[in-house]
Amino acid sequence: MARLSDLIIQHPDVTSFEDLERLVAHAAESGIMHIEFDVKPDYRDTPKKWEWKLETVFARGLKYD
């Protein structure tokens, strides 16, 4: 299991919600089975329904792109 906060901390080069979506998709493809949304992403482009968007991206994996 991965925590969203850990992914964000480990990847300081991620500077937008769109970049975060790609990172979450990559995490899913790399074998992570569960992700915990323990923090709200603090990016200017973070949408109101950010959890739903990240859940969808995680379920799809890299098929997101």
N, C-alpha and C. Protein backbone atom coordinates (compact mmCIF):
# COMPACT_ATOMS: atom_id res chain seq x y z
N MET A 1 0.84 -1.18 0.00
CA MET A 1 0.00 0.00 0.00
C MET A 1 0.89 1.24 0.00
N ALA A 2 0.43 2.25 -0.71
CA ALA A 2 1.16 3.52 -0.77
C ALA A 2 0.27 4.63 -0.22
N ARG A 3 0.92 5.63 0.30
CA ARG A 3 0.20 6.82 0.75
C ARG A 3 0.47 7.94 -0.25
N LEU A 4 -0.54 8.71 -0.51
CA LEU A 4 -0.38 9.83 -1.43
C LEU A 4 0.69 10.79 -0.94
N SER A 5 0.72 11.04 0.35
CA SER A 5 1.72 11.96 0.91
C SER A 5 3.14 11.45 0.63
N ASP A 6 3.35 10.14 0.73
CA ASP A 6 4.69 9.59 0.46
C ASP A 6 5.07 9.78 -1.01
N LEU A 7 4.11 9.55 -1.90
CA LEU A 7 4.40 9.75 -3.33
C LEU A 7 4.77 11.20 -3.61
N ILE A 8 4.03 12.12 -3.02
CA ILE A 8 4.30 13.54 -3.23
C ILE A 8 5.68 13.92 -2.68
N ILE A 9 6.00 13.46 -1.49
CA ILE A 9 7.30 13.77 -0.88
C ILE A 9 8.45 13.17 -1.68
N GLN A 10 8.28 11.96 -2.17
CA GLN A 10 9.34 11.28 -2.92
C GLN A 10 9.54 11.84 -4.32
N HIS A 11 8.59 12.64 -4.80
CA HIS A 11 8.68 13.18 -6.16
C HIS A 11 8.46 14.69 -6.15
N PRO A 12 9.46 15.45 -5.66
CA PRO A 12 9.30 16.91 -5.59
C PRO A 12 9.20 17.57 -6.96
N ASP A 13 9.53 16.84 -8.02
CA ASP A 13 9.43 17.37 -9.38
C ASP A 13 7.98 17.45 -9.85
N VAL A 14 7.06 16.80 -9.15
CA VAL A 14 5.64 16.86 -9.48
C VAL A 14 5.11 18.20 -8.97
N THR A 15 4.66 19.03 -9.91
CA THR A 15 4.26 20.39 -9.55
C THR A 15 2.83 20.74 -9.95
N SER A 16 2.09 19.76 -10.47
CA SER A 16 0.71 20.02 -10.86
C SER A 16 -0.13 18.76 -10.62
N PHE A 17 -1.42 18.96 -10.59
CA PHE A 17 -2.31 17.81 -10.39
C PHE A 17 -2.21 16.86 -11.58
N GLU A 18 -2.04 17.38 -12.76
CA GLU A 18 -1.88 16.53 -13.94
C GLU A 18 -0.64 15.64 -13.81
N ASP A 19 0.45 16.20 -13.33
CA ASP A 19 1.66 15.40 -13.08
C ASP A 19 1.39 14.33 -12.02
N LEU A 20 0.63 14.71 -11.01
CA LEU A 20 0.30 13.76 -9.94
C LEU A 20 -0.54 12.61 -10.47
N GLU A 21 -1.45 12.91 -11.38
CA GLU A 21 -2.25 11.84 -11.98
C GLU A 21 -1.35 10.82 -12.69
N ARG A 22 -0.37 11.31 -13.42
CA ARG A 22 0.57 10.41 -14.09
C ARG A 22 1.36 9.58 -13.08
N LEU A 23 1.78 10.22 -12.00
CA LEU A 23 2.52 9.52 -10.96
C LEU A 23 1.67 8.42 -10.31
N VAL A 24 0.42 8.71 -10.03
CA VAL A 24 -0.49 7.73 -9.44
C VAL A 24 -0.73 6.58 -10.43
N ALA A 25 -0.88 6.90 -11.70
CA ALA A 25 -1.05 5.85 -12.72
C ALA A 25 0.18 4.95 -12.77
N HIS A 26 1.35 5.56 -12.72
CA HIS A 26 2.59 4.78 -12.74
C HIS A 26 2.71 3.89 -11.50
N ALA A 27 2.30 4.41 -10.35
CA ALA A 27 2.34 3.61 -9.12
C ALA A 27 1.46 2.37 -9.27
N ALA A 28 0.30 2.54 -9.87
CA ALA A 28 -0.60 1.40 -10.07
C ALA A 28 0.03 0.38 -11.00
N GLU A 29 0.66 0.85 -12.05
CA GLU A 29 1.29 -0.05 -13.02
C GLU A 29 2.50 -0.77 -12.43
N SER A 30 3.14 -0.16 -11.44
CA SER A 30 4.34 -0.76 -10.87
C SER A 30 4.03 -1.82 -9.82
N GLY A 31 2.74 -2.07 -9.60
CA GLY A 31 2.37 -3.16 -8.72
C GLY A 31 1.74 -2.77 -7.39
N ILE A 32 1.63 -1.50 -7.11
CA ILE A 32 0.97 -1.09 -5.87
C ILE A 32 -0.51 -1.44 -5.98
N MET A 33 -1.01 -2.12 -4.98
CA MET A 33 -2.38 -2.62 -5.02
C MET A 33 -3.39 -1.65 -4.41
N HIS A 34 -2.96 -0.85 -3.46
CA HIS A 34 -3.86 0.08 -2.76
C HIS A 34 -3.15 1.41 -2.57
N ILE A 35 -3.94 2.47 -2.59
CA ILE A 35 -3.39 3.79 -2.32
C ILE A 35 -4.30 4.49 -1.32
N GLU A 36 -3.68 5.13 -0.36
CA GLU A 36 -4.42 5.86 0.68
C GLU A 36 -4.29 7.35 0.40
N PHE A 37 -5.42 8.02 0.29
CA PHE A 37 -5.43 9.46 0.06
C PHE A 37 -5.44 10.17 1.41
N ASP A 38 -4.26 10.26 2.00
CA ASP A 38 -4.14 10.79 3.36
C ASP A 38 -3.96 12.31 3.41
N VAL A 39 -3.72 12.94 2.28
CA VAL A 39 -3.61 14.40 2.23
C VAL A 39 -4.28 14.89 0.95
N LYS A 40 -4.72 16.14 0.99
CA LYS A 40 -5.24 16.78 -0.22
C LYS A 40 -4.05 17.39 -0.95
N PRO A 41 -3.88 17.09 -2.25
CA PRO A 41 -2.78 17.69 -2.99
C PRO A 41 -2.89 19.22 -3.01
N ASP A 42 -1.78 19.87 -2.81
CA ASP A 42 -1.77 21.33 -2.72
C ASP A 42 -1.22 21.95 -4.00
N TYR A 43 -1.90 21.69 -5.11
CA TYR A 43 -1.50 22.25 -6.40
C TYR A 43 -2.58 23.24 -6.83
N ARG A 44 -2.18 24.21 -7.59
CA ARG A 44 -3.15 25.23 -8.04
C ARG A 44 -4.28 24.63 -8.86
N ASP A 45 -3.98 23.56 -9.59
CA ASP A 45 -4.99 22.97 -10.48
C ASP A 45 -5.71 21.77 -9.87
N THR A 46 -5.60 21.56 -8.56
CA THR A 46 -6.29 20.45 -7.91
C THR A 46 -7.81 20.69 -7.98
N PRO A 47 -8.54 19.75 -8.61
CA PRO A 47 -9.99 19.93 -8.73
C PRO A 47 -10.72 19.61 -7.43
N LYS A 48 -11.98 20.02 -7.35
CA LYS A 48 -12.77 19.76 -6.15
C LYS A 48 -12.94 18.26 -5.90
N LYS A 49 -13.15 17.49 -6.94
CA LYS A 49 -13.35 16.04 -6.80
C LYS A 49 -12.05 15.30 -7.06
N TRP A 50 -10.98 15.76 -6.43
CA TRP A 50 -9.65 15.20 -6.68
C TRP A 50 -9.54 13.74 -6.29
N GLU A 51 -10.20 13.33 -5.21
CA GLU A 51 -10.11 11.93 -4.78
C GLU A 51 -10.70 10.99 -5.82
N TRP A 52 -11.86 11.37 -6.35
CA TRP A 52 -12.51 10.56 -7.38
C TRP A 52 -11.62 10.45 -8.61
N LYS A 53 -11.02 11.58 -9.02
CA LYS A 53 -10.14 11.56 -10.20
C LYS A 53 -8.93 10.66 -9.99
N LEU A 54 -8.32 10.76 -8.81
CA LEU A 54 -7.15 9.92 -8.55
C LEU A 54 -7.52 8.44 -8.43
N GLU A 55 -8.66 8.14 -7.85
CA GLU A 55 -9.11 6.75 -7.79
C GLU A 55 -9.29 6.18 -9.19
N THR A 56 -9.87 6.96 -10.07
CA THR A 56 -10.08 6.53 -11.45
C THR A 56 -8.76 6.29 -12.16
N VAL A 57 -7.84 7.22 -12.00
CA VAL A 57 -6.52 7.09 -12.63
C VAL A 57 -5.79 5.87 -12.07
N PHE A 58 -5.87 5.66 -10.77
CA PHE A 58 -5.20 4.52 -10.15
C PHE A 58 -5.78 3.21 -10.68
N ALA A 59 -7.09 3.16 -10.84
CA ALA A 59 -7.73 1.94 -11.35
C ALA A 59 -7.33 1.65 -12.80
N ARG A 60 -7.12 2.68 -13.58
CA ARG A 60 -6.74 2.51 -14.99
C ARG A 60 -5.26 2.26 -15.19
N GLY A 61 -4.45 2.71 -14.26
CA GLY A 61 -3.00 2.60 -14.43
C GLY A 61 -2.52 3.50 -15.55
N LEU A 62 -1.51 3.08 -16.27
CA LEU A 62 -0.93 3.92 -17.32
C LEU A 62 -1.82 4.04 -18.54
N LYS A 63 -2.94 3.36 -18.56
CA LYS A 63 -3.89 3.51 -19.65
C LYS A 63 -4.49 4.90 -19.62
N TYR A 64 -4.21 5.64 -18.55
CA TYR A 64 -4.68 7.01 -18.38
C TYR A 64 -4.25 7.89 -19.55
N ASP A 65 -2.99 7.77 -19.96
CA ASP A 65 -2.48 8.62 -21.05
C ASP A 65 -3.12 8.18 -22.31
